[in-house]
Each structure stands twice: as structure tokens, then as C-alpha cells.
Amino acid sequence: MPGAALLAALVPDEDPGLEPTVRVCGSEERVVPYEIMRWFMEQVADQVERCRVAFAEGGAEAAG
């Protein structure tokens, strides 16, 4: 893909007991613990589902 990566997942293959980490790339790189990223993505998925249901039930006005 062209351009710089926004997120990078690092999966430690040398020790299966270590958790993967997610790095948020930018001018100040940050490391996000895997469990927090999973929780965040579950929240995003829940919100997407709610918006899709609202849109299907009442049109675009209900989703916004």
C-alpha cells in the first residue's frame, strides 16, 4: 500500500506468552496494549452495528 502505515501490529513469534502490541505511527509513535485495542475495536464494531440497524429501520436521518 502506498504511504506510511497508520497502525502496525507486532506479533511476537519468539515467545507465545507475549501479547501482541499495536503501534500508532506518526510524529510521536505510541504503543497500544493489545487488550485495549481489542476493546476499542469491539466498541467500534458495536457502534457500526447500531448505526446500520438505525439506518435500516429509519433511513439516514436515524443513523446520524
C-alpha atoms as a PDB file:
ATOM      1  CA  MET A   1       0.000   0.000   0.000  1.00  0.00           C
ATOM      2  CA  PRO A   2       1.316   3.480  -0.744  1.00  0.00           C
ATOM      3  CA  GLY A   3       2.173   5.903   2.042  1.00  0.00           C
ATOM      4  CA  ALA A   4       3.144   5.445   5.645  1.00  0.00           C
ATOM      5  CA  ALA A   5       1.330   2.994   7.904  1.00  0.00           C
ATOM      6  CA  LEU A   6      -1.054   4.428  10.464  1.00  0.00           C
ATOM      7  CA  LEU A   7      -1.196   1.275  12.602  1.00  0.00           C
ATOM      8  CA  ALA A   8       1.274  -1.566  12.846  1.00  0.00           C
ATOM      9  CA  ALA A   9       0.641  -4.804  14.728  1.00  0.00           C
ATOM     10  CA  LEU A  10       3.671  -6.543  16.190  1.00  0.00           C
ATOM     11  CA  VAL A  11       3.123 -10.220  16.923  1.00  0.00           C
ATOM     12  CA  PRO A  12       5.959 -11.704  18.979  1.00  0.00           C
ATOM     13  CA  ASP A  13       6.830 -15.068  17.464  1.00  0.00           C
ATOM     14  CA  GLU A  14       9.748 -15.809  19.771  1.00  0.00           C
ATOM     15  CA  ASP A  15       7.545 -16.200  22.865  1.00  0.00           C
ATOM     16  CA  PRO A  16       3.888 -17.267  22.512  1.00  0.00           C
ATOM     17  CA  GLY A  17       3.230 -15.974  26.034  1.00  0.00           C
ATOM     18  CA  LEU A  18       3.838 -12.379  24.990  1.00  0.00           C
ATOM     19  CA  GLU A  19       0.861 -10.307  23.886  1.00  0.00           C
ATOM     20  CA  PRO A  20       0.867  -8.586  20.501  1.00  0.00           C
ATOM     21  CA  THR A  21       1.203  -4.811  20.532  1.00  0.00           C
ATOM     22  CA  VAL A  22      -0.213  -2.193  18.229  1.00  0.00           C
ATOM     23  CA  ARG A  23       1.807   0.869  17.351  1.00  0.00           C
ATOM     24  CA  VAL A  24       0.109   4.082  16.312  1.00  0.00           C
ATOM     25  CA  CYS A  25       2.537   5.645  13.869  1.00  0.00           C
ATOM     26  CA  GLY A  26       3.013   9.354  13.469  1.00  0.00           C
ATOM     27  CA  SER A  27       5.238  12.165  14.634  1.00  0.00           C
ATOM     28  CA  GLU A  28       5.033  10.762  18.179  1.00  0.00           C
ATOM     29  CA  GLU A  29       4.781   6.970  17.908  1.00  0.00           C
ATOM     30  CA  ARG A  30       2.683   5.314  20.626  1.00  0.00           C
ATOM     31  CA  VAL A  31       2.284   1.695  21.701  1.00  0.00           C
ATOM     32  CA  VAL A  32      -1.235   0.487  22.499  1.00  0.00           C
ATOM     33  CA  PRO A  33      -1.635  -2.732  24.523  1.00  0.00           C
ATOM     34  CA  TYR A  34      -3.374  -5.481  22.569  1.00  0.00           C
ATOM     35  CA  GLU A  35      -6.260  -5.883  25.032  1.00  0.00           C
ATOM     36  CA  ILE A  36      -7.038  -2.166  24.870  1.00  0.00           C
ATOM     37  CA  MET A  37      -7.010  -2.232  21.063  1.00  0.00           C
ATOM     38  CA  ARG A  38      -9.338  -5.264  21.092  1.00  0.00           C
ATOM     39  CA  TRP A  39     -11.697  -3.484  23.496  1.00  0.00           C
ATOM     40  CA  PHE A  40     -11.649  -0.362  21.325  1.00  0.00           C
ATOM     41  CA  MET A  41     -12.354  -2.301  18.126  1.00  0.00           C
ATOM     42  CA  GLU A  42     -15.237  -4.128  19.840  1.00  0.00           C
ATOM     43  CA  GLN A  43     -16.690  -0.730  20.779  1.00  0.00           C
ATOM     44  CA  VAL A  44     -16.291   0.442  17.181  1.00  0.00           C
ATOM     45  CA  ALA A  45     -17.958  -2.728  15.854  1.00  0.00           C
ATOM     46  CA  ASP A  46     -20.887  -2.254  18.279  1.00  0.00           C
ATOM     47  CA  GLN A  47     -21.340   1.353  17.155  1.00  0.00           C
ATOM     48  CA  VAL A  48     -21.204   0.361  13.479  1.00  0.00           C
ATOM     49  CA  GLU A  49     -23.870  -2.285  14.090  1.00  0.00           C
ATOM     50  CA  ARG A  50     -26.122   0.212  15.931  1.00  0.00           C
ATOM     51  CA  CYS A  51     -25.781   2.713  13.094  1.00  0.00           C
ATOM     52  CA  ARG A  52     -26.549   0.089  10.458  1.00  0.00           C
ATOM     53  CA  VAL A  53     -29.646  -1.070  12.346  1.00  0.00           C
ATOM     54  CA  ALA A  54     -30.825   2.519  12.811  1.00  0.00           C
ATOM     55  CA  PHE A  55     -30.231   3.258   9.135  1.00  0.00           C
ATOM     56  CA  ALA A  56     -32.130   0.134   8.063  1.00  0.00           C
ATOM     57  CA  GLU A  57     -35.058   0.944  10.359  1.00  0.00           C
ATOM     58  CA  GLY A  58     -35.374   4.660   9.792  1.00  0.00           C
ATOM     59  CA  GLY A  59     -33.169   5.799   6.970  1.00  0.00           C
ATOM     60  CA  ALA A  60     -30.094   8.006   7.061  1.00  0.00           C
ATOM     61  CA  GLU A  61     -31.699  10.554   9.431  1.00  0.00           C
ATOM     62  CA  ALA A  62     -31.893   7.966  12.253  1.00  0.00           C
ATOM     63  CA  ALA A  63     -28.270   6.881  11.833  1.00  0.00           C
ATOM     64  CA  GLY A  64     -26.830  10.379  12.220  1.00  0.00           C
END
